[in-house]
PDB file of N, CA and C in Angstrom:
ATOM      1  N   MET A   1     318.462  18.373 239.341  1.00  0.00           N
ATOM      2  CA  MET A   1     317.883  18.071 240.527  1.00  0.00           C
ATOM      3  C   MET A   1     316.486  18.437 240.613  1.00  0.00           C
ATOM      4  N   VAL A   2     315.643  17.536 241.148  1.00  0.00           N
ATOM      5  CA  VAL A   2     314.041  17.878 241.210  1.00  0.00           C
ATOM      6  C   VAL A   2     313.870  17.878 242.971  1.00  0.00           C
ATOM      7  N   ARG A   3     313.408  19.037 243.183  1.00  0.00           N
ATOM      8  CA  ARG A   3     313.045  19.144 244.625  1.00  0.00           C
ATOM      9  C   ARG A   3     311.647  18.791 244.799  1.00  0.00           C
ATOM     10  N   PHE A   4     311.557  17.684 245.668  1.00  0.00           N
ATOM     11  CA  PHE A   4     310.152  16.976 245.677  1.00  0.00           C
ATOM     12  C   PHE A   4     309.411  17.828 246.832  1.00  0.00           C
ATOM     13  N   ASP A   5     308.046  18.010 246.520  1.00  0.00           N
ATOM     14  CA  ASP A   5     307.267  18.624 247.578  1.00  0.00           C
ATOM     15  C   ASP A   5     305.924  17.639 247.496  1.00  0.00           C
ATOM     16  N   PRO A   6     305.784  16.966 248.596  1.00  0.00           N
ATOM     17  CA  PRO A   6     304.682  16.249 248.802  1.00  0.00           C
ATOM     18  C   PRO A   6     303.175  16.865 248.503  1.00  0.00           C
ATOM     19  N   GLU A   7     303.010  18.048 248.707  1.00  0.00           N
ATOM     20  CA  GLU A   7     301.811  18.774 248.580  1.00  0.00           C
ATOM     21  C   GLU A   7     301.752  18.937 247.081  1.00  0.00           C
ATOM     22  N   LYS A   8     302.724  19.182 246.232  1.00  0.00           N
ATOM     23  CA  LYS A   8     302.701  19.404 244.772  1.00  0.00           C
ATOM     24  C   LYS A   8     302.327  18.039 244.111  1.00  0.00           C
ATOM     25  N   PHE A   9     302.759  16.987 244.821  1.00  0.00           N
ATOM     26  CA  PHE A   9     302.582  15.668 244.093  1.00  0.00           C
ATOM     27  C   PHE A   9     301.199  15.329 243.800  1.00  0.00           C
ATOM     28  N   ALA A  10     300.238  15.955 244.641  1.00  0.00           N
ATOM     29  CA  ALA A  10     298.788  15.698 244.542  1.00  0.00           C
ATOM     30  C   ALA A  10     298.410  16.312 243.184  1.00  0.00           C
ATOM     31  N   ASP A  11     299.211  17.122 242.596  1.00  0.00           N
ATOM     32  CA  ASP A  11     298.805  17.698 241.225  1.00  0.00           C
ATOM     33  C   ASP A  11     300.179  17.497 240.342  1.00  0.00           C
ATOM     34  N   LYS A  12     300.456  16.026 240.477  1.00  0.00           N
ATOM     35  CA  LYS A  12     301.845  15.665 239.817  1.00  0.00           C
ATOM     36  C   LYS A  12     301.969  15.921 238.287  1.00  0.00           C
ATOM     37  N   TYR A  13     300.881  15.783 237.643  1.00  0.00           N
ATOM     38  CA  TYR A  13     300.961  15.926 236.119  1.00  0.00           C
ATOM     39  C   TYR A  13     301.284  17.512 235.833  1.00  0.00           C
ATOM     40  N   ARG A  14     300.918  18.278 236.462  1.00  0.00           N
ATOM     41  CA  ARG A  14     301.216  19.765 236.561  1.00  0.00           C
ATOM     42  C   ARG A  14     302.632  20.170 236.854  1.00  0.00           C
ATOM     43  N   HIS A  15     302.909  19.575 238.097  1.00  0.00           N
ATOM     44  CA  HIS A  15     304.156  20.120 238.597  1.00  0.00           C
ATOM     45  C   HIS A  15     305.376  19.269 238.128  1.00  0.00           C
ATOM     46  N   TYR A  16     305.145  17.859 238.005  1.00  0.00           N
ATOM     47  CA  TYR A  16     306.190  17.021 237.934  1.00  0.00           C
ATOM     48  C   TYR A  16     306.074  15.971 236.527  1.00  0.00           C
ATOM     49  N   LEU A  17     305.579  16.423 235.598  1.00  0.00           N
ATOM     50  CA  LEU A  17     305.517  15.666 234.404  1.00  0.00           C
ATOM     51  C   LEU A  17     306.704  15.257 233.687  1.00  0.00           C
ATOM     52  N   THR A  18     307.782  16.062 233.777  1.00  0.00           N
ATOM     53  CA  THR A  18     308.966  15.688 233.166  1.00  0.00           C
ATOM     54  C   THR A  18     309.719  14.654 233.960  1.00  0.00           C
ATOM     55  N   PRO A  19     309.839  14.793 235.294  1.00  0.00           N
ATOM     56  CA  PRO A  19     310.356  13.881 236.239  1.00  0.00           C
ATOM     57  C   PRO A  19     309.622  12.495 236.152  1.00  0.00           C
ATOM     58  N   LEU A  20     308.211  12.501 236.118  1.00  0.00           N
ATOM     59  CA  LEU A  20     307.601  11.306 235.889  1.00  0.00           C
ATOM     60  C   LEU A  20     307.875  10.514 234.830  1.00  0.00           C
ATOM     61  N   GLN A  21     307.918  11.179 233.540  1.00  0.00           N
ATOM     62  CA  GLN A  21     308.273  10.694 232.315  1.00  0.00           C
ATOM     63  C   GLN A  21     309.620   9.943 232.510  1.00  0.00           C
ATOM     64  N   ARG A  22     310.660  10.709 232.958  1.00  0.00           N
ATOM     65  CA  ARG A  22     312.054  10.309 233.215  1.00  0.00           C
ATOM     66  C   ARG A  22     311.974   8.965 233.945  1.00  0.00           C
ATOM     67  N   ALA A  23     311.198   8.897 235.081  1.00  0.00           N
ATOM     68  CA  ALA A  23     311.248   7.759 235.885  1.00  0.00           C
ATOM     69  C   ALA A  23     310.599   6.601 235.233  1.00  0.00           C
ATOM     70  N   TYR A  24     309.604   6.757 234.401  1.00  0.00           N
ATOM     71  CA  TYR A  24     309.072   5.669 233.526  1.00  0.00           C
ATOM     72  C   TYR A  24     309.960   5.189 232.642  1.00  0.00           C
ATOM     73  N   ARG A  25     310.665   6.052 231.941  1.00  0.00           N
ATOM     74  CA  ARG A  25     311.636   5.641 230.980  1.00  0.00           C
ATOM     75  C   ARG A  25     312.787   4.846 231.512  1.00  0.00           C
ATOM     76  N   ILE A  26     313.289   5.228 232.815  1.00  0.00           N
ATOM     77  CA  ILE A  26     314.251   4.550 233.448  1.00  0.00           C
ATOM     78  C   ILE A  26     313.788   3.207 233.819  1.00  0.00           C
ATOM     79  N   ALA A  27     312.577   3.016 234.442  1.00  0.00           N
ATOM     80  CA  ALA A  27     311.961   1.679 234.865  1.00  0.00           C
ATOM     81  C   ALA A  27     311.823   0.749 233.538  1.00  0.00           C
ATOM     82  N   PHE A  28     311.346   1.315 232.577  1.00  0.00           N
ATOM     83  CA  PHE A  28     311.159   0.523 231.324  1.00  0.00           C
ATOM     84  C   PHE A  28     312.455  -0.014 230.736  1.00  0.00           C
ATOM     85  N   GLY A  29     313.574   0.776 230.861  1.00  0.00           N
ATOM     86  CA  GLY A  29     314.858   0.347 230.310  1.00  0.00           C
ATOM     87  C   GLY A  29     315.506  -0.818 231.223  1.00  0.00           C
ATOM     88  N   GLU A  30     315.315  -0.575 232.584  1.00  0.00           N
ATOM     89  CA  GLU A  30     315.824  -1.707 233.423  1.00  0.00           C
ATOM     90  C   GLU A  30     314.964  -2.946 233.268  1.00  0.00           C
ATOM     91  N   MET A  31     313.733  -2.745 233.085  1.00  0.00           N
ATOM     92  CA  MET A  31     312.886  -3.998 232.881  1.00  0.00           C
ATOM     93  C   MET A  31     313.166  -4.670 231.463  1.00  0.00           C
ATOM     94  N   ASN A  32     313.641  -3.883 230.483  1.00  0.00           N
ATOM     95  CA  ASN A  32     313.846  -4.438 229.229  1.00  0.00           C
ATOM     96  C   ASN A  32     315.157  -5.260 229.220  1.00  0.00           C
ATOM     97  N   GLU A  33     316.198  -5.037 230.231  1.00  0.00           N
ATOM     98  CA  GLU A  33     317.304  -5.752 230.464  1.00  0.00           C
ATOM     99  C   GLU A  33     317.040  -7.039 230.935  1.00  0.00           C
ATOM    100  N   ARG A  34     316.006  -7.259 231.721  1.00  0.00           N
ATOM    101  CA  ARG A  34     315.877  -8.356 232.520  1.00  0.00           C
ATOM    102  C   ARG A  34     314.481  -9.247 231.965  1.00  0.00           C
ATOM    103  N   TYR A  35     313.754  -8.775 231.233  1.00  0.00           N
ATOM    104  CA  TYR A  35     312.638  -9.550 230.843  1.00  0.00           C
ATOM    105  C   TYR A  35     312.414  -9.426 229.359  1.00  0.00           C
ATOM    106  N   ASP A  36     311.485 -10.262 228.774  1.00  0.00           N
ATOM    107  CA  ASP A  36     311.226 -10.292 227.377  1.00  0.00           C
ATOM    108  C   ASP A  36     310.745  -8.870 227.024  1.00  0.00           C
ATOM    109  N   SER A  37     311.199  -8.367 225.953  1.00  0.00           N
ATOM    110  CA  SER A  37     310.736  -6.846 225.581  1.00  0.00           C
ATOM    111  C   SER A  37     309.284  -7.028 225.130  1.00  0.00           C
ATOM    112  N   ARG A  38     308.744  -8.075 224.554  1.00  0.00           N
ATOM    113  CA  ARG A  38     307.329  -8.041 224.232  1.00  0.00           C
ATOM    114  C   ARG A  38     306.506  -7.917 225.572  1.00  0.00           C
ATOM    115  N   LEU A  39     306.843  -8.523 226.632  1.00  0.00           N
ATOM    116  CA  LEU A  39     306.100  -8.562 227.871  1.00  0.00           C
ATOM    117  C   LEU A  39     306.353  -7.117 228.550  1.00  0.00           C
ATOM    118  N   VAL A  40     307.395  -6.757 228.527  1.00  0.00           N
ATOM    119  CA  VAL A  40     307.750  -5.297 229.179  1.00  0.00           C
ATOM    120  C   VAL A  40     306.979  -4.210 228.400  1.00  0.00           C
ATOM    121  N   HIS A  41     306.925  -4.303 227.096  1.00  0.00           N
ATOM    122  CA  HIS A  41     306.194  -3.354 226.184  1.00  0.00           C
ATOM    123  C   HIS A  41     304.524  -3.497 226.579  1.00  0.00           C
ATOM    124  N   ALA A  42     304.002  -4.897 226.664  1.00  0.00           N
ATOM    125  CA  ALA A  42     302.638  -5.030 226.937  1.00  0.00           C
ATOM    126  C   ALA A  42     302.306  -4.478 228.378  1.00  0.00           C
ATOM    127  N   LEU A  43     303.138  -4.721 229.187  1.00  0.00           N
ATOM    128  CA  LEU A  43     302.886  -4.219 230.690  1.00  0.00           C
ATOM    129  C   LEU A  43     302.973  -2.680 230.589  1.00  0.00           C
ATOM    130  N   ASP A  44     303.843  -2.115 229.885  1.00  0.00           N
ATOM    131  CA  ASP A  44     303.784  -0.566 229.920  1.00  0.00           C
ATOM    132  C   ASP A  44     302.551  -0.070 229.186  1.00  0.00           C
ATOM    133  N   GLN A  45     302.192  -0.704 228.071  1.00  0.00           N
ATOM    134  CA  GLN A  45     301.097  -0.035 227.308  1.00  0.00           C
ATOM    135  C   GLN A  45     299.745  -0.611 227.596  1.00  0.00           C
ATOM    136  N   GLN A  46     299.541  -1.665 228.308  1.00  0.00           N
ATOM    137  CA  GLN A  46     298.351  -2.252 228.500  1.00  0.00           C
ATOM    138  C   GLN A  46     297.908  -2.116 230.020  1.00  0.00           C
ATOM    139  N   VAL A  47     298.724  -2.039 230.989  1.00  0.00           N
ATOM    140  CA  VAL A  47     298.599  -2.072 232.330  1.00  0.00           C
ATOM    141  C   VAL A  47     298.950  -0.722 233.045  1.00  0.00           C
ATOM    142  N   LEU A  48     300.347  -0.412 232.818  1.00  0.00           N
ATOM    143  CA  LEU A  48     300.861   0.669 233.408  1.00  0.00           C
ATOM    144  C   LEU A  48     300.403   2.000 232.818  1.00  0.00           C
ATOM    145  N   ASN A  49     299.858   1.939 231.764  1.00  0.00           N
ATOM    146  CA  ASN A  49     299.221   3.234 231.137  1.00  0.00           C
ATOM    147  C   ASN A  49     298.082   3.804 232.015  1.00  0.00           C
ATOM    148  N   GLU A  50     297.475   2.896 232.648  1.00  0.00           N
ATOM    149  CA  GLU A  50     296.344   3.186 233.468  1.00  0.00           C
ATOM    150  C   GLU A  50     296.637   3.092 234.985  1.00  0.00           C
ATOM    151  N   SER A  51     297.904   3.053 235.329  1.00  0.00           N
ATOM    152  CA  SER A  51     298.417   3.084 236.773  1.00  0.00           C
ATOM    153  C   SER A  51     298.449   4.415 237.282  1.00  0.00           C
ATOM    154  N   GLU A  52     298.585   4.574 238.514  1.00  0.00           N
ATOM    155  CA  GLU A  52     298.750   5.891 239.137  1.00  0.00           C
ATOM    156  C   GLU A  52     299.839   5.824 240.097  1.00  0.00           C
ATOM    157  N   PRO A  53     300.843   6.678 239.887  1.00  0.00           N
ATOM    158  CA  PRO A  53     301.878   6.850 241.049  1.00  0.00           C
ATOM    159  C   PRO A  53     301.169   7.737 242.116  1.00  0.00           C
ATOM    160  N   VAL A  54     301.388   7.365 243.462  1.00  0.00           N
ATOM    161  CA  VAL A  54     300.983   8.208 244.422  1.00  0.00           C
ATOM    162  C   VAL A  54     301.935   8.117 245.542  1.00  0.00           C
ATOM    163  N   TYR A  55     301.902   9.187 246.214  1.00  0.00           N
ATOM    164  CA  TYR A  55     302.931   9.435 247.314  1.00  0.00           C
ATOM    165  C   TYR A  55     302.206   9.617 248.618  1.00  0.00           C
ATOM    166  N   ALA A  56     302.274   8.645 249.662  1.00  0.00           N
ATOM    167  CA  ALA A  56     301.536   8.785 250.935  1.00  0.00           C
ATOM    168  C   ALA A  56     302.416   8.183 252.137  1.00  0.00           C
ATOM    169  N   ASP A  57     302.282   8.737 253.104  1.00  0.00           N
ATOM    170  CA  ASP A  57     302.971   8.143 254.297  1.00  0.00           C
ATOM    171  C   ASP A  57     304.506   8.129 254.127  1.00  0.00           C
ATOM    172  N   GLY A  58     305.078   9.138 253.438  1.00  0.00           N
ATOM    173  CA  GLY A  58     306.597   9.013 253.109  1.00  0.00           C
ATOM    174  C   GLY A  58     307.007   8.119 252.051  1.00  0.00           C
ATOM    175  N   ALA A  59     306.230   7.625 251.293  1.00  0.00           N
ATOM    176  CA  ALA A  59     306.659   6.654 250.272  1.00  0.00           C
ATOM    177  C   ALA A  59     305.755   6.697 248.977  1.00  0.00           C
ATOM    178  N   PHE A  60     306.373   6.294 247.851  1.00  0.00           N
ATOM    179  CA  PHE A  60     305.749   6.122 246.634  1.00  0.00           C
ATOM    180  C   PHE A  60     305.058   4.718 246.598  1.00  0.00           C
ATOM    181  N   GLU A  61     303.871   4.719 245.857  1.00  0.00           N
ATOM    182  CA  GLU A  61     303.503   3.319 245.517  1.00  0.00           C
ATOM    183  C   GLU A  61     302.833   3.503 244.125  1.00  0.00           C
ATOM    184  N   ILE A  62     302.449   2.430 243.379  1.00  0.00           N
ATOM    185  CA  ILE A  62     301.865   2.377 242.143  1.00  0.00           C
ATOM    186  C   ILE A  62     300.649   1.651 242.202  1.00  0.00           C
ATOM    187  N   GLN A  63     299.570   2.418 242.026  1.00  0.00           N
ATOM    188  CA  GLN A  63     298.258   1.791 242.092  1.00  0.00           C
ATOM    189  C   GLN A  63     297.832   1.338 240.680  1.00  0.00           C
ATOM    190  N   LEU A  64     297.644   0.061 240.563  1.00  0.00           N
ATOM    191  CA  LEU A  64     297.379  -0.563 239.180  1.00  0.00           C
ATOM    192  C   LEU A  64     295.867  -0.283 239.052  1.00  0.00           C
ATOM    193  N   PRO A  65     295.461  -0.608 237.688  1.00  0.00           N
ATOM    194  CA  PRO A  65     293.992  -0.677 237.359  1.00  0.00           C
ATOM    195  C   PRO A  65     293.485  -1.998 237.789  1.00  0.00           C
ATOM    196  N   PRO A  66     292.022  -1.966 237.932  1.00  0.00           N
ATOM    197  CA  PRO A  66     291.405  -3.146 238.277  1.00  0.00           C
ATOM    198  C   PRO A  66     291.750  -4.316 237.359  1.00  0.00           C
ATOM    199  N   ASP A  67     291.858  -5.510 238.046  1.00  0.00           N
ATOM    200  CA  ASP A  67     292.376  -6.801 237.238  1.00  0.00           C
ATOM    201  C   ASP A  67     293.212  -6.480 236.088  1.00  0.00           C
ATOM    202  N   PRO A  68     294.527  -6.155 236.555  1.00  0.00           N
ATOM    203  CA  PRO A  68     295.459  -5.931 235.493  1.00  0.00           C
ATOM    204  C   PRO A  68     295.852  -7.172 234.689  1.00  0.00           C
ATOM    205  N   TYR A  69     295.773  -8.326 235.237  1.00  0.00           N
ATOM    206  CA  TYR A  69     296.143  -9.594 234.347  1.00  0.00           C
ATOM    207  C   TYR A  69     295.259  -9.518 233.150  1.00  0.00           C
ATOM    208  N   ALA A  70     294.032  -9.256 233.276  1.00  0.00           N
ATOM    209  CA  ALA A  70     292.997  -9.273 232.232  1.00  0.00           C
ATOM    210  C   ALA A  70     293.236  -8.389 231.200  1.00  0.00           C
ATOM    211  N   ARG A  71     294.107  -7.302 231.487  1.00  0.00           N
ATOM    212  CA  ARG A  71     294.183  -6.270 230.415  1.00  0.00           C
ATOM    213  C   ARG A  71     295.313  -6.692 229.454  1.00  0.00           C
ATOM    214  N   LEU A  72     296.119  -7.735 229.814  1.00  0.00           N
ATOM    215  CA  LEU A  72     297.250  -8.169 229.037  1.00  0.00           C
ATOM    216  C   LEU A  72     296.889  -8.857 227.837  1.00  0.00           C
ATOM    217  N   THR A  73     297.145  -8.351 226.608  1.00  0.00           N
ATOM    218  CA  THR A  73     296.853  -9.244 225.318  1.00  0.00           C
ATOM    219  C   THR A  73     298.097  -9.305 224.619  1.00  0.00           C
ATOM    220  N   GLY A  74     298.131 -10.196 223.611  1.00  0.00           N
ATOM    221  CA  GLY A  74     299.222 -10.401 222.793  1.00  0.00           C
ATOM    222  C   GLY A  74     300.576 -10.871 223.191  1.00  0.00           C
ATOM    223  N   VAL A  75     300.507 -11.378 224.505  1.00  0.00           N
ATOM    224  CA  VAL A  75     301.675 -11.929 225.040  1.00  0.00           C
ATOM    225  C   VAL A  75     301.174 -13.131 225.822  1.00  0.00           C
ATOM    226  N   GLU A  76     301.890 -14.221 225.729  1.00  0.00           N
ATOM    227  CA  GLU A  76     301.533 -15.529 226.471  1.00  0.00           C
ATOM    228  C   GLU A  76     302.382 -15.543 227.680  1.00  0.00           C
ATOM    229  N   VAL A  77     301.611 -15.431 228.922  1.00  0.00           N
ATOM    230  CA  VAL A  77     302.265 -15.317 230.204  1.00  0.00           C
ATOM    231  C   VAL A  77     301.256 -15.791 231.152  1.00  0.00           C
ATOM    232  N   ASP A  78     301.694 -16.871 232.097  1.00  0.00           N
ATOM    233  CA  ASP A  78     300.593 -17.043 233.055  1.00  0.00           C
ATOM    234  C   ASP A  78     300.535 -16.144 234.098  1.00  0.00           C
ATOM    235  N   GLU A  79     299.534 -16.422 235.031  1.00  0.00           N
ATOM    236  CA  GLU A  79     299.122 -15.279 236.020  1.00  0.00           C
ATOM    237  C   GLU A  79     300.410 -15.123 237.092  1.00  0.00           C
ATOM    238  N   ALA A  80     301.225 -16.249 237.360  1.00  0.00           N
ATOM    239  CA  ALA A  80     302.249 -16.199 238.298  1.00  0.00           C
ATOM    240  C   ALA A  80     303.336 -15.348 237.689  1.00  0.00           C
ATOM    241  N   GLN A  81     303.627 -15.702 236.428  1.00  0.00           N
ATOM    242  CA  GLN A  81     304.632 -14.931 235.731  1.00  0.00           C
ATOM    243  C   GLN A  81     304.271 -13.413 235.580  1.00  0.00           C
ATOM    244  N   PHE A  82     303.145 -13.213 235.271  1.00  0.00           N
ATOM    245  CA  PHE A  82     302.605 -11.873 235.376  1.00  0.00           C
ATOM    246  C   PHE A  82     302.778 -11.108 236.520  1.00  0.00           C
ATOM    247  N   ASP A  83     302.315 -11.744 237.728  1.00  0.00           N
ATOM    248  CA  ASP A  83     302.457 -11.207 238.996  1.00  0.00           C
ATOM    249  C   ASP A  83     304.014 -10.831 239.377  1.00  0.00           C
ATOM    250  N   ALA A  84     304.720 -11.827 238.928  1.00  0.00           N
ATOM    251  CA  ALA A  84     306.242 -11.461 239.330  1.00  0.00           C
ATOM    252  C   ALA A  84     306.753 -10.304 238.482  1.00  0.00           C
ATOM    253  N   ALA A  85     306.393 -10.236 237.233  1.00  0.00           N
ATOM    254  CA  ALA A  85     306.844  -9.153 236.256  1.00  0.00           C
ATOM    255  C   ALA A  85     306.274  -7.881 236.695  1.00  0.00           C
ATOM    256  N   ILE A  86     304.976  -7.837 237.058  1.00  0.00           N
ATOM    257  CA  ILE A  86     304.433  -6.492 237.365  1.00  0.00           C
ATOM    258  C   ILE A  86     304.922  -6.028 238.632  1.00  0.00           C
ATOM    259  N   ALA A  87     305.211  -6.954 239.676  1.00  0.00           N
ATOM    260  CA  ALA A  87     305.780  -6.549 240.919  1.00  0.00           C
ATOM    261  C   ALA A  87     307.138  -6.058 240.589  1.00  0.00           C
ATOM    262  N   ALA A  88     307.880  -6.672 239.875  1.00  0.00           N
ATOM    263  CA  ALA A  88     309.329  -6.150 239.551  1.00  0.00           C
ATOM    264  C   ALA A  88     309.259  -4.773 238.749  1.00  0.00           C
ATOM    265  N   TYR A  89     308.169  -4.732 237.942  1.00  0.00           N
ATOM    266  CA  TYR A  89     308.191  -3.397 237.199  1.00  0.00           C
ATOM    267  C   TYR A  89     307.652  -2.350 238.306  1.00  0.00           C
ATOM    268  N   THR A  90     306.712  -2.508 239.002  1.00  0.00           N
ATOM    269  CA  THR A  90     306.398  -1.415 240.037  1.00  0.00           C
ATOM    270  C   THR A  90     307.613  -1.197 240.951  1.00  0.00           C
ATOM    271  N   ASP A  91     308.201  -1.998 241.364  1.00  0.00           N
ATOM    272  CA  ASP A  91     309.473  -1.871 242.318  1.00  0.00           C
ATOM    273  C   ASP A  91     310.485  -1.001 241.614  1.00  0.00           C
ATOM    274  N   GLU A  92     310.644  -1.226 240.148  1.00  0.00           N
ATOM    275  CA  GLU A  92     311.602  -0.481 239.430  1.00  0.00           C
ATOM    276  C   GLU A  92     311.115   0.971 239.288  1.00  0.00           C
ATOM    277  N   LEU A  93     309.857   1.153 239.117  1.00  0.00           N
ATOM    278  CA  LEU A  93     309.111   2.488 238.981  1.00  0.00           C
ATOM    279  C   LEU A  93     309.329   3.314 240.307  1.00  0.00           C
ATOM    280  N   ILE A  94     309.248   2.544 241.518  1.00  0.00           N
ATOM    281  CA  ILE A  94     309.301   3.187 242.783  1.00  0.00           C
ATOM    282  C   ILE A  94     310.647   3.628 243.035  1.00  0.00           C
ATOM    283  N   ALA A  95     311.638   2.724 242.617  1.00  0.00           N
ATOM    284  CA  ALA A  95     313.185   3.072 242.744  1.00  0.00           C
ATOM    285  C   ALA A  95     313.486   4.153 241.838  1.00  0.00           C
ATOM    286  N   ALA A  96     312.931   4.178 240.518  1.00  0.00           N
ATOM    287  CA  ALA A  96     313.219   5.399 239.680  1.00  0.00           C
ATOM    288  C   ALA A  96     312.708   6.679 240.042  1.00  0.00           C
ATOM    289  N   LEU A  97     311.359   6.620 240.699  1.00  0.00           N
ATOM    290  CA  LEU A  97     310.859   7.865 241.248  1.00  0.00           C
ATOM    291  C   LEU A  97     311.569   8.280 242.304  1.00  0.00           C
ATOM    292  N   GLU A  98     312.089   7.475 243.135  1.00  0.00           N
ATOM    293  CA  GLU A  98     312.993   7.885 244.478  1.00  0.00           C
ATOM    294  C   GLU A  98     314.188   8.392 243.893  1.00  0.00           C
ATOM    295  N   GLY A  99     314.846   7.899 242.853  1.00  0.00           N
ATOM    296  CA  GLY A  99     316.078   8.466 242.276  1.00  0.00           C
ATOM    297  C   GLY A  99     315.944   9.729 241.625  1.00  0.00           C
ATOM    298  N   VAL A 100     314.863   9.895 240.841  1.00  0.00           N
ATOM    299  CA  VAL A 100     314.488  11.186 240.132  1.00  0.00           C
ATOM    300  C   VAL A 100     314.358  12.217 241.009  1.00  0.00           C
ATOM    301  N   PHE A 101     313.689  12.034 242.265  1.00  0.00           N
ATOM    302  CA  PHE A 101     313.380  12.946 243.138  1.00  0.00           C
ATOM    303  C   PHE A 101     314.503  12.942 244.345  1.00  0.00           C
ATOM    304  N   GLU A 102     315.627  12.297 244.067  1.00  0.00           N
ATOM    305  CA  GLU A 102     316.580  12.185 245.043  1.00  0.00           C
ATOM    306  C   GLU A 102     316.395  11.930 246.352  1.00  0.00           C
ATOM    307  N   PHE A 103     315.694  10.809 246.488  1.00  0.00           N
ATOM    308  CA  PHE A 103     315.368  10.512 247.978  1.00  0.00           C
ATOM    309  C   PHE A 103     316.587   9.714 248.560  1.00  0.00           C
ATOM    310  N   PRO A 104     316.873   9.755 249.830  1.00  0.00           N
ATOM    311  CA  PRO A 104     318.018   9.006 250.216  1.00  0.00           C
ATOM    312  C   PRO A 104     317.839   7.621 249.974  1.00  0.00           C
ATOM    313  N   PRO A 105     318.749   6.880 249.784  1.00  0.00           N
ATOM    314  CA  PRO A 105     318.706   5.345 249.778  1.00  0.00           C
ATOM    315  C   PRO A 105     318.271   4.785 250.941  1.00  0.00           C
ATOM    316  N   GLU A 106     317.615   3.576 250.852  1.00  0.00           N
ATOM    317  CA  GLU A 106     317.258   2.806 252.101  1.00  0.00           C
ATOM    318  C   GLU A 106     318.326   2.315 252.715  1.00  0.00           C
ATOM    319  N   PRO A 107     318.463   2.102 254.035  1.00  0.00           N
ATOM    320  CA  PRO A 107     319.678   1.467 254.643  1.00  0.00           C
ATOM    321  C   PRO A 107     319.547   0.020 254.346  1.00  0.00           C
ATOM    322  N   LYS A 108     320.664  -0.624 254.131  1.00  0.00           N
ATOM    323  CA  LYS A 108     320.774  -2.035 253.974  1.00  0.00           C
ATOM    324  C   LYS A 108     320.609  -2.851 255.248  1.00  0.00           C
ATOM    325  N   ARG A 109     319.836  -3.868 255.376  1.00  0.00           N
ATOM    326  CA  ARG A 109     319.658  -4.619 256.509  1.00  0.00           C
ATOM    327  C   ARG A 109     320.681  -5.800 256.468  1.00  0.00           C
TER     328      ARG A 109
END
């Protein structure tokens, strides 16, 4: 169990490096089950490697680098497919972060 402290998350790589790595591995594995592995690997290495997980207002978000679609090379995918895949990936990352830090699940509507 990883006890989450929002104040420590400001210095996340010092306090939470191992849980962050675990969350990214979980999200990568989930994405590999649903998307082409070449696309998932490219997103991981070319876009998410420059992303930043942040915690604000009681929630995680993933801040992507500027013009993330332009960073993608070696994989043929149109911008709409890219947008769908990166949105799914960031959703998986957020879910993985919430799981690693044992946030209570969101109530179903």
